[in-house]
Each structure stands twice: as C-alpha cells, then as structure tokens.
Amino acid sequence: MHEESPGRLDAARWSPLGSDGWYAARDATTALRDALISAGMEHDFPYLRADLNAFGHGLVELGRVSPATAEHLAELLRLALSSAAAPRPATETDREPGE
C-alpha cells in the first residue's frame, strides 16, 4: 500500500484551481489575449490557452499558427524591441512639477 508523504496532497483531492501555477498561467494568457486582440490577431491563435503540467507548473500554450501569423508576430516583436531601444523625446508628462 502506498503511504502519502507528509505535505503532499492525494491526487484525487488536488485541484488546479487552488494552485499558484494555474492563476499565473491564466493571468498571462489573459494579458497575451488582450495584446493579440489589440493587434487585430484574435483569430490567429485558436489554440491559445492556460494549462498546467503534471507537476503543477503553469504554462501558456500558444499552439500552432500559420506562417503568415508567425511572420506578423515576429514583425510586431521587432517593432516593439526597436521602439524600446530608441530614445524618447521628453514630454510635458515626463517633467517633475515645478520644472
């Protein structure tokens, strides 16, 4: 007979909804979904979902995408990276009050 180790849950009583991994995966999937919607790509990732592996680690599954979708995503990432690296001109909102 298998004895349960202290501190471990029986698989029959374990729920993914009680794990930090599940909530992290769900939150990350939601953030990615919202960004994809903003980019007009909501139909390009039909397999996007939050998941857990057998160890309870949260995962975000992007699934299979078309070559055109992969190219579009690569271009968005390139633009974001070049935008982040480029210096921004100062604006009124960047100044401290009284400057």
Protein backbone atom coordinates (compact mmCIF):
# COMPACT_ATOMS: atom_id res chain seq x y z
CA MET A 1 0.00 0.00 0.00
CA HIS A 2 1.23 3.49 -0.88
CA GLU A 3 1.55 5.84 2.07
CA GLU A 4 1.09 9.51 1.41
CA SER A 5 4.16 11.63 2.12
CA PRO A 6 3.71 14.44 4.63
CA GLY A 7 2.87 17.72 2.94
CA ARG A 8 1.70 16.08 -0.29
CA LEU A 9 -1.87 16.04 -1.48
CA ASP A 10 -3.64 12.98 -2.73
CA ALA A 11 -4.18 13.35 -6.49
CA ALA A 12 -7.90 12.73 -6.02
CA ARG A 13 -8.16 15.83 -3.84
CA TRP A 14 -5.84 18.14 -5.81
CA SER A 15 -7.44 20.87 -7.90
CA PRO A 16 -5.66 23.09 -10.43
CA LEU A 17 -7.86 25.97 -9.33
CA GLY A 18 -6.07 26.02 -5.98
CA SER A 19 -2.58 26.35 -7.41
CA ASP A 20 -0.49 29.45 -7.96
CA GLY A 21 0.71 27.98 -11.28
CA TRP A 22 -2.82 27.89 -12.65
CA TYR A 23 -3.52 31.53 -11.74
CA ALA A 24 -0.18 32.69 -13.15
CA ALA A 25 -0.87 30.86 -16.43
CA ARG A 26 -4.41 32.20 -16.60
CA ASP A 27 -3.32 35.79 -15.94
CA ALA A 28 -0.51 35.59 -18.51
CA THR A 29 -2.87 34.07 -21.08
CA THR A 30 -5.38 36.85 -20.48
CA ALA A 31 -2.69 39.52 -20.90
CA LEU A 32 -1.48 37.91 -24.12
CA ARG A 33 -5.04 37.53 -25.41
CA ASP A 34 -5.71 41.23 -24.80
CA ALA A 35 -2.50 42.22 -26.63
CA LEU A 36 -3.37 39.96 -29.55
CA ILE A 37 -6.84 41.50 -29.75
CA SER A 38 -5.27 45.00 -29.78
CA ALA A 39 -3.01 43.86 -32.64
CA GLY A 40 -6.01 42.51 -34.58
CA MET A 41 -4.76 38.93 -34.21
CA GLU A 42 -7.60 37.47 -32.12
CA HIS A 43 -8.39 34.81 -34.74
CA ASP A 44 -4.76 33.85 -35.40
CA PHE A 45 -4.16 31.90 -32.17
CA PRO A 46 -7.04 29.41 -31.95
CA TYR A 47 -5.12 27.14 -29.54
CA LEU A 48 -4.16 29.83 -27.00
CA ARG A 49 -4.90 28.54 -23.51
CA ALA A 50 -3.68 28.33 -19.94
CA ASP A 51 -2.58 24.92 -18.73
CA LEU A 52 -0.70 23.07 -16.01
CA ASN A 53 1.81 20.30 -16.43
CA ALA A 54 1.87 17.15 -14.29
CA PHE A 55 3.95 18.97 -11.66
CA GLY A 56 1.50 21.85 -11.30
CA HIS A 57 3.66 24.35 -13.18
CA GLY A 58 1.62 26.89 -15.10
CA LEU A 59 2.07 27.01 -18.86
CA VAL A 60 0.72 29.19 -21.64
CA GLU A 61 0.09 27.21 -24.79
CA LEU A 62 0.20 29.26 -27.96
CA GLY A 63 -0.46 26.29 -30.23
CA ARG A 64 0.11 26.06 -33.95
CA VAL A 65 -0.08 29.15 -36.12
CA SER A 66 0.16 29.82 -39.82
CA PRO A 67 3.42 31.06 -41.35
CA ALA A 68 1.77 34.43 -42.01
CA THR A 69 0.80 34.71 -38.34
CA ALA A 70 4.34 33.83 -37.24
CA GLU A 71 5.76 36.50 -39.56
CA HIS A 72 3.26 39.08 -38.31
CA LEU A 73 4.14 38.26 -34.68
CA ALA A 74 7.87 38.45 -35.47
CA GLU A 75 7.39 41.88 -37.04
CA LEU A 76 5.45 43.13 -34.01
CA LEU A 77 8.23 41.91 -31.72
CA ARG A 78 10.89 43.58 -33.88
CA LEU A 79 8.96 46.86 -33.78
CA ALA A 80 8.49 46.64 -30.02
CA LEU A 81 12.18 45.92 -29.45
CA SER A 82 13.33 48.76 -31.70
CA SER A 83 10.83 51.12 -30.06
CA ALA A 84 12.07 50.21 -26.60
CA ALA A 85 15.69 50.78 -27.63
CA ALA A 86 15.04 54.16 -29.29
CA PRO A 87 15.39 57.24 -27.05
CA ARG A 88 12.16 59.10 -26.45
CA PRO A 89 11.93 62.89 -26.58
CA ALA A 90 10.91 64.47 -23.28
CA THR A 91 7.24 65.38 -22.99
CA GLU A 92 5.32 67.54 -20.55
CA THR A 93 4.27 64.44 -18.59
CA ASP A 94 7.92 63.40 -18.11
CA ARG A 95 8.77 66.57 -16.17
CA GLU A 96 8.51 66.92 -12.43
CA PRO A 97 6.09 69.56 -11.10
CA GLY A 98 7.83 72.91 -10.81
CA GLU A 99 10.44 72.25 -13.52
